[in-house]
Protein backbone atom coordinates (compact mmCIF):
# COMPACT_ATOMS: atom_id res chain seq x y z
CA MET A 1 0.00 0.00 0.00
CA ILE A 2 2.99 2.27 0.42
CA LYS A 3 4.56 1.35 -2.92
CA TYR A 4 1.33 1.27 -4.96
CA ARG A 5 -0.58 4.10 -3.33
CA ASP A 6 -2.04 5.25 -6.68
CA TYR A 7 -3.88 1.94 -7.17
CA ALA A 8 -6.81 0.18 -5.53
CA ILE A 9 -5.47 -2.87 -3.68
CA ILE A 10 -7.35 -6.18 -3.66
CA THR A 11 -6.43 -8.66 -0.95
CA LEU A 12 -6.99 -12.43 -1.14
CA ASP A 13 -5.59 -15.39 0.77
CA ASP A 14 -3.60 -17.99 -1.12
CA ASP A 15 -5.19 -20.96 0.63
CA ILE A 16 -8.85 -20.47 -0.31
CA PHE A 17 -10.76 -21.60 -3.38
CA TYR A 18 -12.75 -18.59 -4.55
CA PRO A 19 -16.02 -18.49 -6.52
CA SER A 20 -15.65 -17.23 -10.09
CA ASP A 21 -17.40 -13.93 -9.27
CA THR A 22 -14.94 -12.90 -6.56
CA ILE A 23 -12.94 -10.25 -8.42
CA SER A 24 -15.94 -8.89 -10.33
CA SER A 25 -18.02 -8.49 -7.15
CA ILE A 26 -15.14 -6.72 -5.40
CA TYR A 27 -14.57 -4.40 -8.36
CA GLU A 28 -18.30 -3.63 -8.73
CA SER A 29 -18.49 -2.66 -5.06
CA TYR A 30 -15.48 -0.38 -5.52
CA ILE A 31 -17.13 1.35 -8.49
CA LYS A 32 -20.31 1.94 -6.47
CA HIS A 33 -18.47 2.90 -3.25
CA PRO A 34 -15.05 4.29 -4.23
CA ASN A 35 -14.27 5.87 -0.85
CA ILE A 36 -14.79 2.94 1.48
CA ILE A 37 -13.30 -0.50 2.12
CA SER A 38 -15.37 -3.37 0.74
CA GLY A 39 -14.99 -7.05 1.54
CA ARG A 40 -16.68 -10.39 0.95
CA ARG A 41 -16.53 -11.43 4.61
CA SER A 42 -17.18 -9.15 7.55
CA HIS A 43 -17.79 -9.36 11.25
CA LEU A 44 -19.84 -6.89 13.26
CA ILE A 45 -17.83 -5.48 16.14
CA ASN A 46 -19.96 -5.64 19.27
CA PHE A 47 -19.49 -3.43 22.30
CA LYS A 48 -19.84 -3.87 26.05
CA LYS A 49 -22.25 -1.70 28.04
CA ASN A 50 -19.39 0.68 28.88
CA LEU A 51 -18.74 1.05 25.10
CA GLU A 52 -15.48 -0.90 25.15
CA ILE A 53 -14.99 -3.28 22.25
CA ASP A 54 -16.25 -6.72 23.22
CA GLU A 55 -14.14 -9.87 22.95
CA TYR A 56 -13.66 -11.12 19.39
CA LEU A 57 -15.68 -14.31 19.96
CA LYS A 58 -18.63 -12.16 21.06
CA TRP A 59 -18.73 -10.27 17.78
CA THR A 60 -21.30 -11.21 15.16
CA LEU A 61 -19.03 -13.36 13.00
CA GLN A 62 -19.56 -13.59 9.25
CA GLN A 63 -22.46 -11.18 9.42
CA ASN A 64 -24.68 -10.77 6.38
CA GLU A 65 -27.35 -8.40 7.65
CA ILE A 66 -25.66 -5.00 7.34
CA LYS A 67 -25.57 -4.16 3.67
CA ASN A 68 -24.68 -0.44 3.84
CA PRO A 69 -21.29 1.04 4.72
CA ASP A 70 -20.74 0.93 8.48
CA TYR A 71 -17.88 1.86 10.80
CA ASN A 72 -18.44 -1.18 13.01
CA LEU A 73 -17.88 -3.75 10.26
CA PHE A 74 -14.58 -5.58 10.44
CA ILE A 75 -13.51 -6.75 6.99
CA THR A 76 -11.46 -9.94 6.88
CA THR A 77 -9.01 -9.36 4.08
CA GLY A 78 -8.41 -13.01 3.16
CA ALA A 79 -11.92 -13.57 1.83
CA GLY A 80 -11.44 -10.82 -0.71
CA ALA A 81 -11.38 -7.08 -0.02
CA ILE A 82 -10.55 -3.87 -1.82
CA TYR A 83 -8.86 -0.76 -0.51
CA PRO A 84 -9.24 2.35 -2.71
CA PRO A 85 -6.05 4.18 -3.74
CA ASP A 86 -4.18 5.65 -0.77
CA ILE A 87 -7.38 5.60 1.31
CA LEU A 88 -5.50 4.70 4.48
CA ASN A 89 -2.53 6.95 3.74
CA ILE A 90 -0.10 4.38 5.11
CA ASN A 91 3.33 5.94 4.86
CA GLU A 92 6.90 5.19 5.85
CA HIS A 93 6.22 6.53 9.36
CA PHE A 94 3.87 3.58 10.03
CA LYS A 95 5.96 0.95 8.28
CA TYR A 96 7.32 -0.32 11.60
CA LEU A 97 3.78 -0.99 12.86
CA VAL A 98 2.83 -2.86 9.72
CA ASN A 99 6.02 -4.95 9.92
CA GLU A 100 5.54 -5.72 13.63
CA LEU A 101 1.95 -6.85 13.18
CA ILE A 102 2.17 -8.44 9.74
CA THR A 103 0.31 -11.58 10.86
CA SER A 104 -2.51 -9.40 12.17
CA ASP A 105 -3.06 -7.53 8.93
CA ASP A 106 -6.85 -7.38 9.34
CA LEU A 107 -6.45 -5.59 12.67
CA VAL A 108 -3.78 -3.23 11.38
CA LEU A 109 -5.91 -2.25 8.39
CA LYS A 110 -8.97 -1.73 10.62
CA TYR A 111 -6.85 0.47 12.91
CA PHE A 112 -5.83 2.63 9.94
CA SER A 113 -9.42 2.81 8.66
CA ILE A 114 -10.73 3.94 12.07
CA ARG A 115 -7.92 6.47 12.30
CA LYS A 116 -8.96 7.91 8.92
CA GLY A 117 -12.74 7.67 9.53
CA ILE A 118 -13.28 5.19 6.68
CA ALA A 119 -16.36 2.96 6.72
CA SER A 120 -16.47 -0.65 5.55
CA LYS A 121 -19.02 -2.51 3.46
CA TRP A 122 -19.88 -6.19 3.23
CA ILE A 123 -20.22 -7.46 -0.34
CA LYS A 124 -23.13 -9.86 -0.69
CA ASN A 125 -21.85 -13.22 -2.00
CA ASN A 126 -22.05 -16.95 -1.67
CA LYS A 127 -19.91 -18.20 1.20
CA ILE A 128 -16.41 -19.24 0.32
CA ALA A 129 -14.79 -22.52 1.33
């Protein structure tokens, strides 16, 4: 995202078999919503009564009810997601954070999206394997 900041970035895992409409559905969502993050799998972040983020296992996992952009959606990048060009403005200053947390890329990208005030959108699709 630092090197190719002028391009939309699609993320996919290399250990999943994807339906044939994966790339087209991601691209179509980007065309309709060019200023948000869209993904084919999302969780709804739930909160405790004191407004702290609830434990991960208490989130609504693989939610498919919220169809509009929402700040409380957590996109899982491996199922297929798109980040518009330079939307997170990740620069050399934050490179250390990205390198330290490389195995937690979903969390790092959510952190940057919250920091920038960027909403996320679930892309309706058939479940992936």
